[in-house]
Amino acid sequence: MVSQVAQLILLTVNKDACTLADRIRQKIQNRTFEYKDKVISITASIGAASMVPQENIDPDKLINMADKALYQAKDQGRNRVCSSSKELRL
C-alpha cells in the first residue's frame, strides 16, 4: 500500500526543510510496527520545496514543486529526500 501525506512547515529555508525532512525519514525507517502478529517496516520518500513569502503568491506552484521533488525521490530509489533546485520567487 502506498500513501501520500502533505506537510507544510512554515518559516524554513530549503536547506532546513531538507534537514528536517531527512530526520523524519530516518525516524520512520528506524521504527517497526506490528500488524496481525507480523513485524513490518516502512520507509518514506519526501519532496521538499520552499518559497520566499510575498503578496499574491500562488500556493499551487509551491505544491507542484514539492510534488515534483517527491516523484524525483521515488524515481531515485525511494526512502530519500529530494528538493526543488531553488527557492521560488514570484
PDB file of N, CA and C in Angstrom:
ATOM      1  N   MET A   1       0.843  -1.175   0.000  1.00  0.00           N
ATOM      2  CA  MET A   1       0.000   0.000   0.000  1.00  0.00           C
ATOM      3  C   MET A   1       0.888   1.237   0.000  1.00  0.00           C
ATOM      4  N   VAL A   2       0.577   2.178  -0.846  1.00  0.00           N
ATOM      5  CA  VAL A   2       1.332   3.430  -0.942  1.00  0.00           C
ATOM      6  C   VAL A   2       0.408   4.568  -0.532  1.00  0.00           C
ATOM      7  N   SER A   3       0.932   5.471   0.253  1.00  0.00           N
ATOM      8  CA  SER A   3       0.135   6.603   0.711  1.00  0.00           C
ATOM      9  C   SER A   3       0.955   7.876   0.563  1.00  0.00           C
ATOM     10  N   GLN A   4       0.282   8.978   0.288  1.00  0.00           N
ATOM     11  CA  GLN A   4       0.945  10.271   0.209  1.00  0.00           C
ATOM     12  C   GLN A   4       0.348  11.183   1.258  1.00  0.00           C
ATOM     13  N   VAL A   5       1.237  11.883   1.953  1.00  0.00           N
ATOM     14  CA  VAL A   5       0.829  12.804   3.001  1.00  0.00           C
ATOM     15  C   VAL A   5       1.534  14.128   2.747  1.00  0.00           C
ATOM     16  N   ALA A   6       0.835  15.207   2.925  1.00  0.00           N
ATOM     17  CA  ALA A   6       1.428  16.534   2.742  1.00  0.00           C
ATOM     18  C   ALA A   6       1.642  17.177   4.105  1.00  0.00           C
ATOM     19  N   GLN A   7       2.771  17.833   4.255  1.00  0.00           N
ATOM     20  CA  GLN A   7       3.078  18.541   5.488  1.00  0.00           C
ATOM     21  C   GLN A   7       3.629  19.907   5.118  1.00  0.00           C
ATOM     22  N   LEU A   8       3.118  20.922   5.727  1.00  0.00           N
ATOM     23  CA  LEU A   8       3.575  22.281   5.480  1.00  0.00           C
ATOM     24  C   LEU A   8       4.372  22.755   6.685  1.00  0.00           C
ATOM     25  N   ILE A   9       5.598  23.163   6.450  1.00  0.00           N
ATOM     26  CA  ILE A   9       6.442  23.678   7.518  1.00  0.00           C
ATOM     27  C   ILE A   9       6.735  25.131   7.186  1.00  0.00           C
ATOM     28  N   LEU A  10       6.294  26.012   8.031  1.00  0.00           N
ATOM     29  CA  LEU A  10       6.450  27.434   7.773  1.00  0.00           C
ATOM     30  C   LEU A  10       7.768  27.959   8.321  1.00  0.00           C
ATOM     31  N   LEU A  11       8.244  29.012   7.702  1.00  0.00           N
ATOM     32  CA  LEU A  11       9.410  29.747   8.165  1.00  0.00           C
ATOM     33  C   LEU A  11      10.692  28.924   8.155  1.00  0.00           C
ATOM     34  N   THR A  12      10.892  28.140   7.124  1.00  0.00           N
ATOM     35  CA  THR A  12      12.150  27.432   6.969  1.00  0.00           C
ATOM     36  C   THR A  12      12.689  27.684   5.569  1.00  0.00           C
ATOM     37  N   VAL A  13      13.981  27.624   5.435  1.00  0.00           N
ATOM     38  CA  VAL A  13      14.589  27.697   4.109  1.00  0.00           C
ATOM     39  C   VAL A  13      14.739  26.276   3.597  1.00  0.00           C
ATOM     40  N   ASN A  14      15.004  26.136   2.312  1.00  0.00           N
ATOM     41  CA  ASN A  14      15.039  24.826   1.690  1.00  0.00           C
ATOM     42  C   ASN A  14      16.012  23.887   2.392  1.00  0.00           C
ATOM     43  N   LYS A  15      17.190  24.365   2.740  1.00  0.00           N
ATOM     44  CA  LYS A  15      18.185  23.517   3.405  1.00  0.00           C
ATOM     45  C   LYS A  15      17.643  22.995   4.733  1.00  0.00           C
ATOM     46  N   ASP A  16      17.033  23.875   5.521  1.00  0.00           N
ATOM     47  CA  ASP A  16      16.474  23.472   6.810  1.00  0.00           C
ATOM     48  C   ASP A  16      15.312  22.498   6.629  1.00  0.00           C
ATOM     49  N   ALA A  17      14.503  22.733   5.618  1.00  0.00           N
ATOM     50  CA  ALA A  17      13.381  21.837   5.343  1.00  0.00           C
ATOM     51  C   ALA A  17      13.887  20.444   4.990  1.00  0.00           C
ATOM     52  N   CYS A  18      14.958  20.378   4.213  1.00  0.00           N
ATOM     53  CA  CYS A  18      15.535  19.083   3.832  1.00  0.00           C
ATOM     54  C   CYS A  18      16.135  18.369   5.037  1.00  0.00           C
ATOM     55  N   THR A  19      16.795  19.120   5.907  1.00  0.00           N
ATOM     56  CA  THR A  19      17.365  18.523   7.117  1.00  0.00           C
ATOM     57  C   THR A  19      16.267  17.952   7.990  1.00  0.00           C
ATOM     58  N   LEU A  20      15.208  18.711   8.198  1.00  0.00           N
ATOM     59  CA  LEU A  20      14.084  18.243   8.999  1.00  0.00           C
ATOM     60  C   LEU A  20      13.402  17.049   8.339  1.00  0.00           C
ATOM     61  N   ALA A  21      13.211  17.121   7.033  1.00  0.00           N
ATOM     62  CA  ALA A  21      12.574  16.017   6.308  1.00  0.00           C
ATOM     63  C   ALA A  21      13.398  14.742   6.428  1.00  0.00           C
ATOM     64  N   ASP A  22      14.716  14.854   6.375  1.00  0.00           N
ATOM     65  CA  ASP A  22      15.548  13.664   6.486  1.00  0.00           C
ATOM     66  C   ASP A  22      15.515  13.087   7.899  1.00  0.00           C
ATOM     67  N   ARG A  23      15.408  13.943   8.895  1.00  0.00           N
ATOM     68  CA  ARG A  23      15.257  13.441  10.272  1.00  0.00           C
ATOM     69  C   ARG A  23      13.953  12.670  10.413  1.00  0.00           C
ATOM     70  N   ILE A  24      12.894  13.176   9.822  1.00  0.00           N
ATOM     71  CA  ILE A  24      11.600  12.485   9.849  1.00  0.00           C
ATOM     72  C   ILE A  24      11.710  11.151   9.107  1.00  0.00           C
ATOM     73  N   ARG A  25      12.361  11.164   7.932  1.00  0.00           N
ATOM     74  CA  ARG A  25      12.532   9.948   7.143  1.00  0.00           C
ATOM     75  C   ARG A  25      13.289   8.881   7.932  1.00  0.00           C
ATOM     76  N   GLN A  26      14.345   9.284   8.618  1.00  0.00           N
ATOM     77  CA  GLN A  26      15.131   8.340   9.407  1.00  0.00           C
ATOM     78  C   GLN A  26      14.324   7.762  10.571  1.00  0.00           C
ATOM     79  N   LYS A  27      13.538   8.610  11.232  1.00  0.00           N
ATOM     80  CA  LYS A  27      12.692   8.128  12.343  1.00  0.00           C
ATOM     81  C   LYS A  27      11.703   7.072  11.849  1.00  0.00           C
ATOM     82  N   ILE A  28      11.114   7.313  10.694  1.00  0.00           N
ATOM     83  CA  ILE A  28      10.173   6.348  10.118  1.00  0.00           C
ATOM     84  C   ILE A  28      10.892   5.055   9.768  1.00  0.00           C
ATOM     85  N   GLN A  29      12.045   5.160   9.129  1.00  0.00           N
ATOM     86  CA  GLN A  29      12.811   3.991   8.701  1.00  0.00           C
ATOM     87  C   GLN A  29      13.251   3.132   9.891  1.00  0.00           C
ATOM     88  N   ASN A  30      13.598   3.760  11.002  1.00  0.00           N
ATOM     89  CA  ASN A  30      14.129   3.034  12.160  1.00  0.00           C
ATOM     90  C   ASN A  30      13.050   2.466  13.075  1.00  0.00           C
ATOM     91  N   ARG A  31      11.807   2.682  12.743  1.00  0.00           N
ATOM     92  CA  ARG A  31      10.714   2.197  13.584  1.00  0.00           C
ATOM     93  C   ARG A  31      10.061   0.984  12.951  1.00  0.00           C
ATOM     94  N   THR A  32       9.700   0.022  13.762  1.00  0.00           N
ATOM     95  CA  THR A  32       8.956  -1.132  13.269  1.00  0.00           C
ATOM     96  C   THR A  32       7.538  -1.092  13.837  1.00  0.00           C
ATOM     97  N   PHE A  33       6.638  -1.711  13.125  1.00  0.00           N
ATOM     98  CA  PHE A  33       5.235  -1.737  13.506  1.00  0.00           C
ATOM     99  C   PHE A  33       4.750  -3.180  13.513  1.00  0.00           C
ATOM    100  N   GLU A  34       3.810  -3.471  14.357  1.00  0.00           N
ATOM    101  CA  GLU A  34       3.210  -4.801  14.378  1.00  0.00           C
ATOM    102  C   GLU A  34       1.804  -4.718  13.829  1.00  0.00           C
ATOM    103  N   TYR A  35       1.490  -5.667  12.963  1.00  0.00           N
ATOM    104  CA  TYR A  35       0.149  -5.737  12.385  1.00  0.00           C
ATOM    105  C   TYR A  35      -0.186  -7.208  12.181  1.00  0.00           C
ATOM    106  N   LYS A  36      -1.232  -7.661  12.836  1.00  0.00           N
ATOM    107  CA  LYS A  36      -1.678  -9.053  12.739  1.00  0.00           C
ATOM    108  C   LYS A  36      -0.519 -10.018  12.979  1.00  0.00           C
ATOM    109  N   ASP A  37       0.168  -9.813  14.091  1.00  0.00           N
ATOM    110  CA  ASP A  37       1.280 -10.664  14.518  1.00  0.00           C
ATOM    111  C   ASP A  37       2.476 -10.655  13.569  1.00  0.00           C
ATOM    112  N   LYS A  38       2.586  -9.660  12.726  1.00  0.00           N
ATOM    113  CA  LYS A  38       3.734  -9.531  11.838  1.00  0.00           C
ATOM    114  C   LYS A  38       4.431  -8.209  12.117  1.00  0.00           C
ATOM    115  N   VAL A  39       5.735  -8.226  12.074  1.00  0.00           N
ATOM    116  CA  VAL A  39       6.521  -7.010  12.236  1.00  0.00           C
ATOM    117  C   VAL A  39       6.811  -6.464  10.843  1.00  0.00           C
ATOM    118  N   ILE A  40       6.456  -5.214  10.635  1.00  0.00           N
ATOM    119  CA  ILE A  40       6.687  -4.599   9.331  1.00  0.00           C
ATOM    120  C   ILE A  40       7.488  -3.317   9.496  1.00  0.00           C
ATOM    121  N   SER A  41       8.221  -2.991   8.463  1.00  0.00           N
ATOM    122  CA  SER A  41       8.975  -1.749   8.414  1.00  0.00           C
ATOM    123  C   SER A  41       8.436  -0.916   7.270  1.00  0.00           C
ATOM    124  N   ILE A  42       8.503   0.392   7.410  1.00  0.00           N
ATOM    125  CA  ILE A  42       8.088   1.267   6.324  1.00  0.00           C
ATOM    126  C   ILE A  42       9.190   2.291   6.066  1.00  0.00           C
ATOM    127  N   THR A  43       9.137   2.890   4.904  1.00  0.00           N
ATOM    128  CA  THR A  43      10.080   3.937   4.549  1.00  0.00           C
ATOM    129  C   THR A  43       9.297   5.138   4.042  1.00  0.00           C
ATOM    130  N   ALA A  44       9.991   6.234   3.854  1.00  0.00           N
ATOM    131  CA  ALA A  44       9.340   7.450   3.368  1.00  0.00           C
ATOM    132  C   ALA A  44      10.180   8.104   2.282  1.00  0.00           C
ATOM    133  N   SER A  45       9.528   8.508   1.232  1.00  0.00           N
ATOM    134  CA  SER A  45      10.132   9.366   0.207  1.00  0.00           C
ATOM    135  C   SER A  45       9.506  10.737   0.395  1.00  0.00           C
ATOM    136  N   ILE A  46      10.359  11.765   0.440  1.00  0.00           N
ATOM    137  CA  ILE A  46       9.865  13.100   0.763  1.00  0.00           C
ATOM    138  C   ILE A  46      10.361  14.107  -0.267  1.00  0.00           C
ATOM    139  N   GLY A  47       9.459  14.953  -0.719  1.00  0.00           N
ATOM    140  CA  GLY A  47       9.804  16.050  -1.611  1.00  0.00           C
ATOM    141  C   GLY A  47       9.691  17.363  -0.855  1.00  0.00           C
ATOM    142  N   ALA A  48      10.727  18.178  -0.940  1.00  0.00           N
ATOM    143  CA  ALA A  48      10.745  19.455  -0.216  1.00  0.00           C
ATOM    144  C   ALA A  48      10.831  20.604  -1.211  1.00  0.00           C
ATOM    145  N   ALA A  49      10.184  21.699  -0.876  1.00  0.00           N
ATOM    146  CA  ALA A  49      10.249  22.918  -1.682  1.00  0.00           C
ATOM    147  C   ALA A  49      10.073  24.100  -0.746  1.00  0.00           C
ATOM    148  N   SER A  50      10.591  25.242  -1.152  1.00  0.00           N
ATOM    149  CA  SER A  50      10.407  26.442  -0.337  1.00  0.00           C
ATOM    150  C   SER A  50      10.191  27.640  -1.243  1.00  0.00           C
ATOM    151  N   MET A  51       9.605  28.678  -0.670  1.00  0.00           N
ATOM    152  CA  MET A  51       9.382  29.913  -1.427  1.00  0.00           C
ATOM    153  C   MET A  51       9.577  31.106  -0.513  1.00  0.00           C
ATOM    154  N   VAL A  52       9.941  32.200  -1.094  1.00  0.00           N
ATOM    155  CA  VAL A  52      10.080  33.446  -0.359  1.00  0.00           C
ATOM    156  C   VAL A  52       8.691  34.067  -0.255  1.00  0.00           C
ATOM    157  N   PRO A  53       8.203  34.301   0.961  1.00  0.00           N
ATOM    158  CA  PRO A  53       6.854  34.855   1.114  1.00  0.00           C
ATOM    159  C   PRO A  53       6.729  36.244   0.475  1.00  0.00           C
ATOM    160  N   GLN A  54       5.699  36.396  -0.311  1.00  0.00           N
ATOM    161  CA  GLN A  54       5.380  37.664  -0.944  1.00  0.00           C
ATOM    162  C   GLN A  54       3.863  37.730  -1.129  1.00  0.00           C
ATOM    163  N   GLU A  55       3.380  38.910  -1.440  1.00  0.00           N
ATOM    164  CA  GLU A  55       1.952  39.047  -1.732  1.00  0.00           C
ATOM    165  C   GLU A  55       1.641  38.370  -3.063  1.00  0.00           C
ATOM    166  N   ASN A  56       0.427  37.942  -3.224  1.00  0.00           N
ATOM    167  CA  ASN A  56      -0.076  37.348  -4.464  1.00  0.00           C
ATOM    168  C   ASN A  56       0.670  36.086  -4.878  1.00  0.00           C
ATOM    169  N   ILE A  57       1.083  35.296  -3.933  1.00  0.00           N
ATOM    170  CA  ILE A  57       1.761  34.035  -4.240  1.00  0.00           C
ATOM    171  C   ILE A  57       0.707  32.963  -4.493  1.00  0.00           C
ATOM    172  N   ASP A  58       0.926  32.185  -5.528  1.00  0.00           N
ATOM    173  CA  ASP A  58       0.048  31.065  -5.840  1.00  0.00           C
ATOM    174  C   ASP A  58       0.593  29.823  -5.123  1.00  0.00           C
ATOM    175  N   PRO A  59      -0.066  29.354  -4.070  1.00  0.00           N
ATOM    176  CA  PRO A  59       0.453  28.204  -3.322  1.00  0.00           C
ATOM    177  C   PRO A  59       0.531  26.937  -4.167  1.00  0.00           C
ATOM    178  N   ASP A  60      -0.239  26.856  -5.234  1.00  0.00           N
ATOM    179  CA  ASP A  60      -0.184  25.675  -6.091  1.00  0.00           C
ATOM    180  C   ASP A  60       1.196  25.499  -6.717  1.00  0.00           C
ATOM    181  N   LYS A  61       1.915  26.584  -6.962  1.00  0.00           N
ATOM    182  CA  LYS A  61       3.268  26.477  -7.523  1.00  0.00           C
ATOM    183  C   LYS A  61       4.202  25.793  -6.539  1.00  0.00           C
ATOM    184  N   LEU A  62       4.087  26.129  -5.274  1.00  0.00           N
ATOM    185  CA  LEU A  62       4.914  25.501  -4.250  1.00  0.00           C
ATOM    186  C   LEU A  62       4.566  24.013  -4.124  1.00  0.00           C
ATOM    187  N   ILE A  63       3.294  23.718  -4.123  1.00  0.00           N
ATOM    188  CA  ILE A  63       2.856  22.326  -4.028  1.00  0.00           C
ATOM    189  C   ILE A  63       3.363  21.528  -5.225  1.00  0.00           C
ATOM    190  N   ASN A  64       3.290  22.108  -6.409  1.00  0.00           N
ATOM    191  CA  ASN A  64       3.787  21.420  -7.606  1.00  0.00           C
ATOM    192  C   ASN A  64       5.287  21.170  -7.529  1.00  0.00           C
ATOM    193  N   MET A  65       6.043  22.136  -7.009  1.00  0.00           N
ATOM    194  CA  MET A  65       7.489  21.945  -6.852  1.00  0.00           C
ATOM    195  C   MET A  65       7.785  20.796  -5.883  1.00  0.00           C
ATOM    196  N   ALA A  66       7.076  20.758  -4.767  1.00  0.00           N
ATOM    197  CA  ALA A  66       7.278  19.689  -3.783  1.00  0.00           C
ATOM    198  C   ALA A  66       6.864  18.343  -4.368  1.00  0.00           C
ATOM    199  N   ASP A  67       5.795  18.329  -5.141  1.00  0.00           N
ATOM    200  CA  ASP A  67       5.322  17.086  -5.760  1.00  0.00           C
ATOM    201  C   ASP A  67       6.357  16.552  -6.751  1.00  0.00           C
ATOM    202  N   LYS A  68       6.936  17.434  -7.546  1.00  0.00           N
ATOM    203  CA  LYS A  68       7.989  17.010  -8.480  1.00  0.00           C
ATOM    204  C   LYS A  68       9.187  16.446  -7.728  1.00  0.00           C
ATOM    205  N   ALA A  69       9.557  17.079  -6.627  1.00  0.00           N
ATOM    206  CA  ALA A  69      10.677  16.587  -5.819  1.00  0.00           C
ATOM    207  C   ALA A  69      10.344  15.225  -5.209  1.00  0.00           C
ATOM    208  N   LEU A  70       9.087  15.032  -4.800  1.00  0.00           N
ATOM    209  CA  LEU A  70       8.662  13.739  -4.261  1.00  0.00           C
ATOM    210  C   LEU A  70       8.835  12.643  -5.300  1.00  0.00           C
ATOM    211  N   TYR A  71       8.372  12.884  -6.515  1.00  0.00           N
ATOM    212  CA  TYR A  71       8.498  11.867  -7.559  1.00  0.00           C
ATOM    213  C   TYR A  71       9.955  11.649  -7.950  1.00  0.00           C
ATOM    214  N   GLN A  72      10.787  12.667  -7.824  1.00  0.00           N
ATOM    215  CA  GLN A  72      12.218  12.503  -8.052  1.00  0.00           C
ATOM    216  C   GLN A  72      12.788  11.544  -7.000  1.00  0.00           C
ATOM    217  N   ALA A  73      12.382  11.705  -5.750  1.00  0.00           N
ATOM    218  CA  ALA A  73      12.836  10.803  -4.676  1.00  0.00           C
ATOM    219  C   ALA A  73      12.399   9.375  -4.950  1.00  0.00           C
ATOM    220  N   LYS A  74      11.177   9.200  -5.403  1.00  0.00           N
ATOM    221  CA  LYS A  74      10.690   7.860  -5.723  1.00  0.00           C
ATOM    222  C   LYS A  74      11.453   7.266  -6.903  1.00  0.00           C
ATOM    223  N   ASP A  75      11.700   8.076  -7.919  1.00  0.00           N
ATOM    224  CA  ASP A  75      12.415   7.598  -9.110  1.00  0.00           C
ATOM    225  C   ASP A  75      13.861   7.227  -8.800  1.00  0.00           C
ATOM    226  N   GLN A  76      14.443   7.854  -7.790  1.00  0.00           N
ATOM    227  CA  GLN A  76      15.840   7.591  -7.445  1.00  0.00           C
ATOM    228  C   GLN A  76      16.000   6.423  -6.472  1.00  0.00           C
ATOM    229  N   GLY A  77      14.926   5.711  -6.208  1.00  0.00           N
ATOM    230  CA  GLY A  77      15.043   4.514  -5.389  1.00  0.00           C
ATOM    231  C   GLY A  77      14.271   4.534  -4.092  1.00  0.00           C
ATOM    232  N   ARG A  78      13.516   5.559  -3.842  1.00  0.00           N
ATOM    233  CA  ARG A  78      12.689   5.670  -2.638  1.00  0.00           C
ATOM    234  C   ARG A  78      13.515   5.806  -1.368  1.00  0.00           C
ATOM    235  N   ASN A  79      12.820   6.035  -0.259  1.00  0.00           N
ATOM    236  CA  ASN A  79      13.436   6.196   1.057  1.00  0.00           C
ATOM    237  C   ASN A  79      14.535   7.258   1.048  1.00  0.00           C
ATOM    238  N   ARG A  80      14.187   8.427   0.522  1.00  0.00           N
ATOM    239  CA  ARG A  80      15.137   9.541   0.455  1.00  0.00           C
ATOM    240  C   ARG A  80      14.390  10.857   0.404  1.00  0.00           C
ATOM    241  N   VAL A  81      15.127  11.931   0.566  1.00  0.00           N
ATOM    242  CA  VAL A  81      14.580  13.284   0.478  1.00  0.00           C
ATOM    243  C   VAL A  81      15.170  13.951  -0.758  1.00  0.00           C
ATOM    244  N   CYS A  82      14.328  14.545  -1.573  1.00  0.00           N
ATOM    245  CA  CYS A  82      14.773  15.366  -2.691  1.00  0.00           C
ATOM    246  C   CYS A  82      14.095  16.724  -2.564  1.00  0.00           C
ATOM    247  N   SER A  83      14.734  17.740  -3.096  1.00  0.00           N
ATOM    248  CA  SER A  83      14.162  19.080  -3.010  1.00  0.00           C
ATOM    249  C   SER A  83      14.143  19.731  -4.364  1.00  0.00           C
ATOM    250  N   SER A  84      13.319  20.771  -4.456  1.00  0.00           N
ATOM    251  CA  SER A  84      13.351  21.584  -5.657  1.00  0.00           C
ATOM    252  C   SER A  84      14.719  22.242  -5.707  1.00  0.00           C
ATOM    253  N   SER A  85      15.181  22.543  -6.881  1.00  0.00           N
ATOM    254  CA  SER A  85      16.546  23.029  -7.009  1.00  0.00           C
ATOM    255  C   SER A  85      16.727  24.481  -6.571  1.00  0.00           C
ATOM    256  N   LYS A  86      15.627  25.184  -6.348  1.00  0.00           N
ATOM    257  CA  LYS A  86      15.753  26.595  -5.962  1.00  0.00           C
ATOM    258  C   LYS A  86      14.541  27.023  -5.156  1.00  0.00           C
ATOM    259  N   GLU A  87      14.692  28.104  -4.441  1.00  0.00           N
ATOM    260  CA  GLU A  87      13.544  28.702  -3.762  1.00  0.00           C
ATOM    261  C   GLU A  87      12.747  29.484  -4.791  1.00  0.00           C
ATOM    262  N   LEU A  88      11.461  29.397  -4.680  1.00  0.00           N
ATOM    263  CA  LEU A  88      10.576  30.047  -5.636  1.00  0.00           C
ATOM    264  C   LEU A  88      10.403  31.512  -5.277  1.00  0.00           C
ATOM    265  N   ARG A  89      10.674  32.373  -6.222  1.00  0.00           N
ATOM    266  CA  ARG A  89      10.437  33.807  -6.055  1.00  0.00           C
ATOM    267  C   ARG A  89       9.476  34.229  -7.172  1.00  0.00           C
ATOM    268  N   LEU A  90       8.412  34.833  -6.776  1.00  0.00           N
ATOM    269  CA  LEU A  90       7.412  35.259  -7.768  1.00  0.00           C
ATOM    270  C   LEU A  90       7.412  36.744  -7.945  1.00  0.00           C
TER     271      LEU A  90
END
